[in-house]
Every structure is written in structure tokens, then in C-alpha cells.
Amino acid sequence: MHREYPTFFRFDDRNPEERLGPPARRGHYDTVILNPDFVMAHPAETVLNRSIKTVRDRSITPFQAVIEFKLHTRGWSEGRSRGAIAELGKLHLSTDEAPLRYLVLLMRYPEPHVYRWDTYWPRVRDAAAAGEDVASVFAVHWIDPNREPEVHWFGPWLSETRERYGKG
């Protein structure tokens, strides 16, 4: 496992569905599980991925899985919703790097009204539902004691989990 691992590509947060060259930025994954075959076949410099120009054997998938984690304690906002959608886009762009890609977003929703939830959640939900190749889960704990916590998941989770807990 490796934390804060650099992506093998550059992308633009404003359009996270496209790989771009400079001046777009290079992202990082929160956590990756490295493929042992990738580690064994490459020198340390390539495995550490410090330089985007490092040559690697593209026939070997570098990761077994990529995981992005987010914790929001103030509910949705324009920036947080755009950030979640950008993370989904980055994971979608990572198809060649990892067969398993996950986004886990935990949220404590502290506001008694749900205006911002009703405004921003549909955008994130639609992006997550469209990304069928990325498994994502959104768990929400409401400050309102009359509301039960909610869990929404999308993508290729294990069918056993779907049967037990339902979908989305």
C-alpha cells in the first residue's frame, strides 16, 4: 500500500474527464495498492512515480486498487460538490492503472435545513451513477435526530453487498 501516490497523467479539475498535458496539474491518489508484478518489474524510481516522464512497462497494471477518501463535516457546497465530481473523474481516467477504483465520502450534515443538500447532492449523485466503472459510497450522518443516517453507493460493488443493503 502507498499513500498520496502521484497519478501517471495530468488532468484539469474543471474538466476531470480528460487527460491533458502541461499546464494541467498532476493529481495524487489517497491510497493505492501496488501490483506486486509492477513492483518486481521496475526500478524504484519508476515504482515511486516521482517523474511523470518515467518510462514503464504499460503491459503491467501498476495498481490492484485505487482508493480516494473524503470527509466533509459541513455538508455540501459548490466547491465540495465539484471536488467530489472531480475525484470521480480522476478515478474514471485511471482505468488503465487499476482494475478497482473506489471513492469513499463520509459526510456529517450539520444544518437543520436541506437546501444545500437538495441543490448539490443531485449533481454528485448523477456523476456517481454515470461512472459505472468506479465504485463509490456516500455515507451521510444528519444532525437532525429525526433523520436516519443514509448510505448511497454506485458502481461495481460486490453483488452480495447489493443484495444485503440495496442499491443507491
N, C-alpha and C. Protein backbone atom coordinates (compact mmCIF):
# COMPACT_ATOMS: atom_id res chain seq x y z
N MET A 1 0.85 -1.18 0.00
CA MET A 1 0.00 0.00 0.00
C MET A 1 0.89 1.23 0.00
N HIS A 2 0.40 2.27 -0.64
CA HIS A 2 1.14 3.52 -0.71
C HIS A 2 0.14 4.67 -0.63
N ARG A 3 0.43 5.65 0.20
CA ARG A 3 -0.45 6.82 0.33
C ARG A 3 0.08 7.97 -0.51
N GLU A 4 -0.84 8.84 -0.94
CA GLU A 4 -0.50 10.03 -1.73
C GLU A 4 0.39 9.69 -2.92
N TYR A 5 -0.05 8.73 -3.70
CA TYR A 5 0.70 8.27 -4.86
C TYR A 5 0.35 9.15 -6.06
N PRO A 6 1.35 9.66 -6.79
CA PRO A 6 1.07 10.54 -7.93
C PRO A 6 0.42 9.79 -9.10
N THR A 7 -0.48 10.48 -9.81
CA THR A 7 -1.09 9.89 -11.00
C THR A 7 -0.04 9.79 -12.10
N PHE A 8 -0.30 8.93 -13.06
CA PHE A 8 0.59 8.78 -14.21
C PHE A 8 0.22 9.77 -15.32
N PHE A 9 -0.76 10.60 -15.08
CA PHE A 9 -1.24 11.53 -16.09
C PHE A 9 -1.57 12.87 -15.45
N ARG A 10 -1.71 13.87 -16.30
CA ARG A 10 -2.15 15.20 -15.87
C ARG A 10 -3.61 15.37 -16.25
N PHE A 11 -4.32 16.16 -15.46
CA PHE A 11 -5.73 16.42 -15.76
C PHE A 11 -6.11 17.79 -15.21
N ASP A 12 -7.26 18.25 -15.63
CA ASP A 12 -7.76 19.55 -15.22
C ASP A 12 -8.96 19.33 -14.31
N ASP A 13 -8.90 19.85 -13.07
CA ASP A 13 -10.01 19.68 -12.13
C ASP A 13 -11.34 20.20 -12.69
N ARG A 14 -11.27 21.24 -13.53
CA ARG A 14 -12.50 21.80 -14.07
C ARG A 14 -13.13 20.86 -15.10
N ASN A 15 -12.33 20.00 -15.69
CA ASN A 15 -12.83 19.03 -16.66
C ASN A 15 -12.17 17.69 -16.37
N PRO A 16 -12.56 17.02 -15.30
CA PRO A 16 -11.84 15.82 -14.85
C PRO A 16 -12.05 14.59 -15.72
N GLU A 17 -12.70 14.73 -16.85
CA GLU A 17 -12.89 13.59 -17.74
C GLU A 17 -11.83 13.53 -18.83
N GLU A 18 -10.88 14.47 -18.84
CA GLU A 18 -9.88 14.50 -19.90
C GLU A 18 -8.48 14.47 -19.33
N ARG A 19 -7.64 13.66 -19.95
CA ARG A 19 -6.21 13.69 -19.66
C ARG A 19 -5.63 14.84 -20.47
N LEU A 20 -4.82 15.65 -19.84
CA LEU A 20 -4.24 16.81 -20.50
C LEU A 20 -2.74 16.82 -20.30
N GLY A 21 -2.06 17.56 -21.13
CA GLY A 21 -0.63 17.80 -20.93
C GLY A 21 -0.44 19.08 -20.14
N PRO A 22 0.81 19.51 -19.95
CA PRO A 22 1.04 20.76 -19.23
C PRO A 22 0.25 21.88 -19.88
N PRO A 23 -0.30 22.83 -19.18
CA PRO A 23 -0.06 23.16 -17.78
C PRO A 23 -1.03 22.50 -16.80
N ALA A 24 -1.78 21.51 -17.20
CA ALA A 24 -2.68 20.83 -16.28
C ALA A 24 -1.88 20.21 -15.14
N ARG A 25 -2.55 20.02 -14.02
CA ARG A 25 -1.82 19.52 -12.86
C ARG A 25 -1.80 18.00 -12.80
N ARG A 26 -0.89 17.53 -12.02
CA ARG A 26 -0.78 16.10 -11.77
C ARG A 26 -1.42 15.84 -10.42
N GLY A 27 -2.33 14.91 -10.36
CA GLY A 27 -3.01 14.62 -9.11
C GLY A 27 -2.30 13.55 -8.31
N HIS A 28 -2.88 13.25 -7.17
CA HIS A 28 -2.40 12.16 -6.31
C HIS A 28 -3.60 11.34 -5.89
N TYR A 29 -3.36 10.05 -5.71
CA TYR A 29 -4.37 9.16 -5.15
C TYR A 29 -4.16 9.12 -3.65
N ASP A 30 -5.24 9.09 -2.88
CA ASP A 30 -5.11 8.99 -1.43
C ASP A 30 -4.38 7.71 -1.04
N THR A 31 -4.81 6.59 -1.60
CA THR A 31 -4.19 5.30 -1.29
C THR A 31 -4.23 4.41 -2.54
N VAL A 32 -3.13 3.72 -2.78
CA VAL A 32 -3.10 2.71 -3.85
C VAL A 32 -2.59 1.41 -3.25
N ILE A 33 -3.04 0.33 -3.83
CA ILE A 33 -2.47 -0.98 -3.53
C ILE A 33 -1.68 -1.36 -4.78
N LEU A 34 -0.37 -1.35 -4.63
CA LEU A 34 0.52 -1.61 -5.75
C LEU A 34 0.42 -3.06 -6.20
N ASN A 35 0.53 -3.27 -7.49
CA ASN A 35 0.55 -4.60 -8.07
C ASN A 35 1.96 -5.16 -7.86
N PRO A 36 2.12 -6.30 -7.18
CA PRO A 36 3.46 -6.86 -6.96
C PRO A 36 4.24 -7.09 -8.26
N ASP A 37 3.54 -7.45 -9.34
CA ASP A 37 4.23 -7.65 -10.62
C ASP A 37 4.84 -6.35 -11.12
N PHE A 38 4.15 -5.23 -10.91
CA PHE A 38 4.65 -3.91 -11.30
C PHE A 38 5.90 -3.57 -10.49
N VAL A 39 5.85 -3.82 -9.19
CA VAL A 39 6.98 -3.53 -8.31
C VAL A 39 8.20 -4.36 -8.71
N MET A 40 7.99 -5.63 -8.99
CA MET A 40 9.10 -6.52 -9.33
C MET A 40 9.72 -6.20 -10.70
N ALA A 41 8.93 -5.67 -11.62
CA ALA A 41 9.41 -5.45 -12.98
C ALA A 41 10.07 -4.09 -13.21
N HIS A 42 10.02 -3.20 -12.21
CA HIS A 42 10.51 -1.84 -12.44
C HIS A 42 11.50 -1.42 -11.35
N PRO A 43 12.41 -0.49 -11.70
CA PRO A 43 13.30 0.06 -10.69
C PRO A 43 12.52 0.95 -9.72
N ALA A 44 13.10 1.21 -8.56
CA ALA A 44 12.45 2.00 -7.51
C ALA A 44 11.98 3.36 -8.03
N GLU A 45 12.78 4.01 -8.88
CA GLU A 45 12.40 5.33 -9.41
C GLU A 45 11.07 5.28 -10.15
N THR A 46 10.86 4.22 -10.91
CA THR A 46 9.62 4.06 -11.65
C THR A 46 8.47 3.71 -10.71
N VAL A 47 8.74 2.82 -9.75
CA VAL A 47 7.69 2.41 -8.80
C VAL A 47 7.24 3.60 -7.96
N LEU A 48 8.16 4.48 -7.57
CA LEU A 48 7.79 5.65 -6.77
C LEU A 48 7.06 6.70 -7.59
N ASN A 49 7.21 6.68 -8.92
CA ASN A 49 6.48 7.55 -9.84
C ASN A 49 6.68 9.03 -9.52
N ARG A 50 7.92 9.41 -9.24
CA ARG A 50 8.21 10.81 -8.93
C ARG A 50 8.21 11.68 -10.19
N SER A 51 8.57 11.10 -11.32
CA SER A 51 8.63 11.85 -12.57
C SER A 51 7.59 11.30 -13.54
N ILE A 52 6.75 12.18 -14.05
CA ILE A 52 5.71 11.75 -14.98
C ILE A 52 6.31 11.23 -16.28
N LYS A 53 7.57 11.57 -16.54
CA LYS A 53 8.24 11.14 -17.77
C LYS A 53 8.90 9.78 -17.64
N THR A 54 8.87 9.18 -16.45
CA THR A 54 9.49 7.88 -16.24
C THR A 54 8.85 6.83 -17.15
N VAL A 55 9.68 6.05 -17.80
CA VAL A 55 9.20 5.01 -18.71
C VAL A 55 8.82 3.78 -17.89
N ARG A 56 7.67 3.21 -18.19
CA ARG A 56 7.23 1.99 -17.51
C ARG A 56 6.66 1.03 -18.52
N ASP A 57 6.62 -0.22 -18.14
CA ASP A 57 6.04 -1.27 -18.99
C ASP A 57 4.52 -1.14 -18.89
N ARG A 58 3.89 -0.66 -19.94
CA ARG A 58 2.45 -0.41 -19.92
C ARG A 58 1.62 -1.69 -20.01
N SER A 59 2.26 -2.82 -20.24
CA SER A 59 1.51 -4.07 -20.27
C SER A 59 1.24 -4.59 -18.85
N ILE A 60 1.86 -3.96 -17.85
CA ILE A 60 1.66 -4.35 -16.45
C ILE A 60 0.84 -3.26 -15.76
N THR A 61 -0.29 -3.62 -15.23
CA THR A 61 -1.12 -2.68 -14.48
C THR A 61 -0.42 -2.33 -13.18
N PRO A 62 -0.18 -1.04 -12.91
CA PRO A 62 0.61 -0.68 -11.72
C PRO A 62 -0.09 -0.92 -10.38
N PHE A 63 -1.43 -0.84 -10.36
CA PHE A 63 -2.15 -0.96 -9.09
C PHE A 63 -3.16 -2.09 -9.13
N GLN A 64 -3.40 -2.67 -7.97
CA GLN A 64 -4.52 -3.59 -7.84
C GLN A 64 -5.79 -2.80 -7.54
N ALA A 65 -5.63 -1.68 -6.80
CA ALA A 65 -6.78 -0.84 -6.47
C ALA A 65 -6.31 0.58 -6.16
N VAL A 66 -7.22 1.53 -6.40
CA VAL A 66 -7.02 2.94 -6.06
C VAL A 66 -8.20 3.35 -5.19
N ILE A 67 -7.92 4.04 -4.08
CA ILE A 67 -8.98 4.44 -3.15
C ILE A 67 -8.83 5.93 -2.84
N GLU A 68 -9.91 6.66 -3.00
CA GLU A 68 -9.98 8.07 -2.61
C GLU A 68 -10.92 8.18 -1.42
N PHE A 69 -10.50 8.93 -0.40
CA PHE A 69 -11.30 9.14 0.80
C PHE A 69 -11.59 10.62 0.96
N LYS A 70 -12.80 10.96 1.35
CA LYS A 70 -13.17 12.34 1.64
C LYS A 70 -13.99 12.35 2.92
N LEU A 71 -13.78 13.38 3.73
CA LEU A 71 -14.57 13.59 4.94
C LEU A 71 -15.04 15.03 4.93
N HIS A 72 -16.35 15.23 4.88
CA HIS A 72 -16.92 16.57 4.89
C HIS A 72 -17.73 16.72 6.18
N THR A 73 -17.43 17.76 6.93
CA THR A 73 -18.12 17.99 8.20
C THR A 73 -19.07 19.18 8.14
N ARG A 74 -19.20 19.79 6.96
CA ARG A 74 -20.06 20.96 6.84
C ARG A 74 -21.13 20.81 5.76
N GLY A 75 -21.41 19.62 5.33
CA GLY A 75 -22.41 19.42 4.29
C GLY A 75 -21.90 19.82 2.92
N TRP A 76 -22.81 19.86 1.95
CA TRP A 76 -22.43 20.19 0.58
C TRP A 76 -22.28 21.69 0.38
N SER A 77 -21.41 22.03 -0.54
CA SER A 77 -21.25 23.38 -1.05
C SER A 77 -20.89 23.25 -2.51
N GLU A 78 -20.83 24.36 -3.22
CA GLU A 78 -20.44 24.32 -4.63
C GLU A 78 -19.06 23.68 -4.78
N GLY A 79 -18.10 24.12 -3.96
CA GLY A 79 -16.74 23.60 -4.05
C GLY A 79 -16.63 22.13 -3.67
N ARG A 80 -17.31 21.71 -2.62
CA ARG A 80 -17.23 20.31 -2.22
C ARG A 80 -17.91 19.40 -3.23
N SER A 81 -19.00 19.85 -3.83
CA SER A 81 -19.65 19.02 -4.85
C SER A 81 -18.77 18.92 -6.09
N ARG A 82 -18.16 20.04 -6.52
CA ARG A 82 -17.24 20.00 -7.66
C ARG A 82 -16.05 19.10 -7.35
N GLY A 83 -15.55 19.16 -6.12
CA GLY A 83 -14.42 18.31 -5.72
C GLY A 83 -14.76 16.83 -5.78
N ALA A 84 -15.94 16.46 -5.32
CA ALA A 84 -16.35 15.04 -5.37
C ALA A 84 -16.49 14.58 -6.82
N ILE A 85 -17.04 15.43 -7.67
CA ILE A 85 -17.19 15.09 -9.09
C ILE A 85 -15.82 14.97 -9.74
N ALA A 86 -14.89 15.85 -9.38
CA ALA A 86 -13.52 15.77 -9.92
C ALA A 86 -12.84 14.47 -9.50
N GLU A 87 -13.04 14.04 -8.26
CA GLU A 87 -12.46 12.77 -7.80
C GLU A 87 -13.02 11.60 -8.60
N LEU A 88 -14.32 11.62 -8.87
CA LEU A 88 -14.92 10.57 -9.70
C LEU A 88 -14.30 10.58 -11.09
N GLY A 89 -14.09 11.77 -11.65
CA GLY A 89 -13.47 11.88 -12.96
C GLY A 89 -12.05 11.37 -12.98
N LYS A 90 -11.28 11.71 -11.94
CA LYS A 90 -9.89 11.22 -11.85
C LYS A 90 -9.87 9.69 -11.79
N LEU A 91 -10.77 9.11 -11.02
CA LEU A 91 -10.82 7.65 -10.93
C LEU A 91 -11.24 7.03 -12.27
N HIS A 92 -12.16 7.68 -12.95
CA HIS A 92 -12.55 7.18 -14.28
C HIS A 92 -11.36 7.21 -15.24
N LEU A 93 -10.55 8.25 -15.18
CA LEU A 93 -9.37 8.36 -16.04
C LEU A 93 -8.30 7.32 -15.68
N SER A 94 -8.43 6.69 -14.54
CA SER A 94 -7.43 5.74 -14.04
C SER A 94 -7.71 4.29 -14.47
N THR A 95 -8.57 4.10 -15.43
CA THR A 95 -8.94 2.77 -15.89
C THR A 95 -7.73 1.92 -16.25
N ASP A 96 -6.75 2.52 -16.92
CA ASP A 96 -5.57 1.76 -17.34
C ASP A 96 -4.61 1.46 -16.20
N GLU A 97 -4.75 2.16 -15.09
CA GLU A 97 -3.83 1.99 -13.96
C GLU A 97 -4.32 1.00 -12.91
N ALA A 98 -5.64 0.84 -12.79
CA ALA A 98 -6.17 -0.03 -11.73
C ALA A 98 -7.51 -0.64 -12.14
N PRO A 99 -7.69 -1.93 -11.96
CA PRO A 99 -8.99 -2.52 -12.27
C PRO A 99 -10.06 -2.16 -11.24
N LEU A 100 -9.65 -1.85 -10.02
CA LEU A 100 -10.59 -1.50 -8.95
C LEU A 100 -10.33 -0.06 -8.52
N ARG A 101 -11.39 0.77 -8.58
CA ARG A 101 -11.26 2.18 -8.22
C ARG A 101 -12.44 2.56 -7.34
N TYR A 102 -12.13 3.18 -6.19
CA TYR A 102 -13.15 3.45 -5.18
C TYR A 102 -13.09 4.90 -4.70
N LEU A 103 -14.26 5.47 -4.45
CA LEU A 103 -14.39 6.75 -3.77
C LEU A 103 -15.26 6.51 -2.55
N VAL A 104 -14.75 6.87 -1.38
CA VAL A 104 -15.49 6.76 -0.12
C VAL A 104 -15.63 8.17 0.44
N LEU A 105 -16.85 8.67 0.52
CA LEU A 105 -17.10 10.01 1.03
C LEU A 105 -18.01 9.92 2.24
N LEU A 106 -17.50 10.39 3.37
CA LEU A 106 -18.26 10.42 4.62
C LEU A 106 -18.64 11.87 4.89
N MET A 107 -19.88 12.09 5.27
CA MET A 107 -20.34 13.46 5.48
C MET A 107 -21.17 13.55 6.76
N ARG A 108 -20.85 14.54 7.54
CA ARG A 108 -21.70 14.93 8.67
C ARG A 108 -22.44 16.16 8.20
N TYR A 109 -23.76 16.09 8.14
CA TYR A 109 -24.55 17.21 7.64
C TYR A 109 -25.09 17.99 8.83
N PRO A 110 -24.45 19.13 9.16
CA PRO A 110 -24.76 19.83 10.41
C PRO A 110 -25.93 20.80 10.35
N GLU A 111 -26.47 21.07 9.18
CA GLU A 111 -27.50 22.09 9.07
C GLU A 111 -28.89 21.50 9.26
N PRO A 112 -29.77 22.25 9.94
CA PRO A 112 -31.13 21.74 10.15
C PRO A 112 -31.98 21.77 8.87
N HIS A 113 -31.62 22.61 7.90
CA HIS A 113 -32.37 22.66 6.64
C HIS A 113 -31.58 21.91 5.56
N VAL A 114 -32.26 21.54 4.49
CA VAL A 114 -31.62 20.70 3.48
C VAL A 114 -31.49 21.40 2.13
N TYR A 115 -31.53 22.72 2.10
CA TYR A 115 -31.43 23.43 0.84
C TYR A 115 -30.16 23.07 0.08
N ARG A 116 -29.03 23.14 0.75
CA ARG A 116 -27.77 22.83 0.06
C ARG A 116 -27.71 21.36 -0.34
N TRP A 117 -28.28 20.47 0.47
CA TRP A 117 -28.33 19.06 0.09
C TRP A 117 -29.14 18.91 -1.20
N ASP A 118 -30.32 19.51 -1.24
CA ASP A 118 -31.18 19.41 -2.42
C ASP A 118 -30.56 20.06 -3.65
N THR A 119 -29.70 21.05 -3.46
CA THR A 119 -29.05 21.74 -4.57
C THR A 119 -27.88 20.95 -5.13
N TYR A 120 -26.98 20.45 -4.26
CA TYR A 120 -25.72 19.87 -4.71
C TYR A 120 -25.71 18.35 -4.80
N TRP A 121 -26.45 17.66 -3.96
CA TRP A 121 -26.44 16.20 -4.00
C TRP A 121 -26.86 15.65 -5.35
N PRO A 122 -27.91 16.17 -6.02
CA PRO A 122 -28.27 15.61 -7.33
C PRO A 122 -27.13 15.66 -8.35
N ARG A 123 -26.30 16.68 -8.33
CA ARG A 123 -25.16 16.77 -9.25
C ARG A 123 -24.16 15.65 -8.97
N VAL A 124 -23.85 15.46 -7.70
CA VAL A 124 -22.89 14.42 -7.31
C VAL A 124 -23.49 13.04 -7.59
N ARG A 125 -24.73 12.85 -7.22
CA ARG A 125 -25.42 11.57 -7.44
C ARG A 125 -25.41 11.21 -8.92
N ASP A 126 -25.73 12.17 -9.78
CA ASP A 126 -25.77 11.90 -11.22
C ASP A 126 -24.38 11.54 -11.75
N ALA A 127 -23.35 12.23 -11.28
CA ALA A 127 -21.98 11.93 -11.71
C ALA A 127 -21.57 10.53 -11.24
N ALA A 128 -21.93 10.18 -10.01
CA ALA A 128 -21.59 8.86 -9.48
C ALA A 128 -22.34 7.76 -10.23
N ALA A 129 -23.60 8.00 -10.54
CA ALA A 129 -24.39 7.00 -11.26
C ALA A 129 -23.88 6.82 -12.69
N ALA A 130 -23.37 7.89 -13.29
CA ALA A 130 -22.85 7.81 -14.66
C ALA A 130 -21.51 7.07 -14.71
N GLY A 131 -20.77 7.07 -13.61
CA GLY A 131 -19.46 6.42 -13.58
C GLY A 131 -19.57 4.97 -13.18
N GLU A 132 -20.11 4.16 -14.06
CA GLU A 132 -20.36 2.76 -13.75
C GLU A 132 -19.10 1.95 -13.47
N ASP A 133 -17.93 2.46 -13.89
CA ASP A 133 -16.68 1.72 -13.69
C ASP A 133 -16.00 2.07 -12.37
N VAL A 134 -16.53 3.05 -11.64
CA VAL A 134 -15.96 3.47 -10.36
C VAL A 134 -16.96 3.13 -9.26
N ALA A 135 -16.50 2.41 -8.24
CA ALA A 135 -17.36 2.10 -7.10
C ALA A 135 -17.27 3.27 -6.12
N SER A 136 -18.42 3.80 -5.76
CA SER A 136 -18.42 4.93 -4.82
C SER A 136 -19.47 4.71 -3.75
N VAL A 137 -19.17 5.24 -2.57
CA VAL A 137 -20.12 5.16 -1.47
C VAL A 137 -20.14 6.52 -0.77
N PHE A 138 -21.34 7.00 -0.46
CA PHE A 138 -21.55 8.27 0.21
C PHE A 138 -22.37 7.99 1.46
N ALA A 139 -21.77 8.20 2.63
CA ALA A 139 -22.46 7.96 3.89
C ALA A 139 -22.70 9.30 4.56
N VAL A 140 -23.95 9.57 4.94
CA VAL A 140 -24.33 10.86 5.49
C VAL A 140 -24.93 10.67 6.88
N HIS A 141 -24.38 11.41 7.83
CA HIS A 141 -24.93 11.44 9.18
C HIS A 141 -25.58 12.82 9.36
N TRP A 142 -26.86 12.83 9.62
CA TRP A 142 -27.61 14.08 9.76
C TRP A 142 -27.59 14.55 11.20
N ILE A 143 -27.49 15.86 11.40
CA ILE A 143 -27.57 16.42 12.75
C ILE A 143 -29.01 16.34 13.28
N ASP A 144 -29.96 16.35 12.38
CA ASP A 144 -31.37 16.25 12.75
C ASP A 144 -31.63 14.87 13.35
N PRO A 145 -31.99 14.80 14.64
CA PRO A 145 -32.18 13.49 15.28
C PRO A 145 -33.35 12.68 14.70
N ASN A 146 -34.20 13.33 13.93
CA ASN A 146 -35.34 12.63 13.33
C ASN A 146 -34.99 11.96 12.01
N ARG A 147 -33.77 12.19 11.52
CA ARG A 147 -33.35 11.59 10.25
C ARG A 147 -32.35 10.49 10.51
N GLU A 148 -32.58 9.36 9.89
CA GLU A 148 -31.64 8.24 9.98
C GLU A 148 -30.44 8.52 9.08
N PRO A 149 -29.27 8.03 9.44
CA PRO A 149 -28.12 8.14 8.52
C PRO A 149 -28.46 7.47 7.19
N GLU A 150 -27.83 7.97 6.13
CA GLU A 150 -28.09 7.44 4.79
C GLU A 150 -26.79 6.94 4.17
N VAL A 151 -26.91 5.91 3.37
CA VAL A 151 -25.77 5.40 2.60
C VAL A 151 -26.24 5.23 1.16
N HIS A 152 -25.45 5.80 0.24
CA HIS A 152 -25.74 5.69 -1.19
C HIS A 152 -24.50 5.13 -1.85
N TRP A 153 -24.64 4.08 -2.67
CA TRP A 153 -23.48 3.59 -3.40
C TRP A 153 -23.81 3.35 -4.85
N PHE A 154 -22.76 3.45 -5.65
CA PHE A 154 -22.88 3.37 -7.09
C PHE A 154 -21.71 2.56 -7.63
N GLY A 155 -21.89 1.99 -8.79
CA GLY A 155 -20.79 1.30 -9.45
C GLY A 155 -20.71 -0.17 -9.12
N PRO A 156 -19.56 -0.76 -9.46
CA PRO A 156 -19.41 -2.22 -9.40
C PRO A 156 -19.03 -2.77 -8.03
N TRP A 157 -19.90 -2.62 -7.05
CA TRP A 157 -19.68 -3.25 -5.75
C TRP A 157 -20.05 -4.72 -5.86
N LEU A 158 -19.66 -5.49 -4.89
CA LEU A 158 -19.98 -6.91 -4.90
C LEU A 158 -21.49 -7.12 -4.87
N SER A 159 -21.98 -8.06 -5.63
CA SER A 159 -23.42 -8.30 -5.70
C SER A 159 -23.98 -8.72 -4.35
N GLU A 160 -23.18 -9.39 -3.53
CA GLU A 160 -23.62 -9.80 -2.20
C GLU A 160 -23.97 -8.57 -1.36
N THR A 161 -23.16 -7.52 -1.47
CA THR A 161 -23.42 -6.28 -0.74
C THR A 161 -24.71 -5.64 -1.23
N ARG A 162 -24.90 -5.61 -2.54
CA ARG A 162 -26.11 -5.02 -3.09
C ARG A 162 -27.35 -5.77 -2.63
N GLU A 163 -27.27 -7.09 -2.61
CA GLU A 163 -28.43 -7.88 -2.19
C GLU A 163 -28.75 -7.62 -0.72
N ARG A 164 -27.71 -7.42 0.09
CA ARG A 164 -27.93 -7.23 1.52
C ARG A 164 -28.44 -5.84 1.84
N TYR A 165 -27.90 -4.82 1.16
CA TYR A 165 -28.20 -3.44 1.54
C TYR A 165 -28.99 -2.65 0.51
N GLY A 166 -29.23 -3.19 -0.66
CA GLY A 166 -29.92 -2.44 -1.69
C GLY A 166 -28.95 -1.63 -2.52
N LYS A 167 -29.44 -0.88 -3.49
CA LYS A 167 -28.56 -0.11 -4.39
C LYS A 167 -28.93 1.37 -4.32
N GLY A 168 -27.86 2.21 -4.32
CA GLY A 168 -28.02 3.67 -4.42
C GLY A 168 -28.92 4.18 -3.39
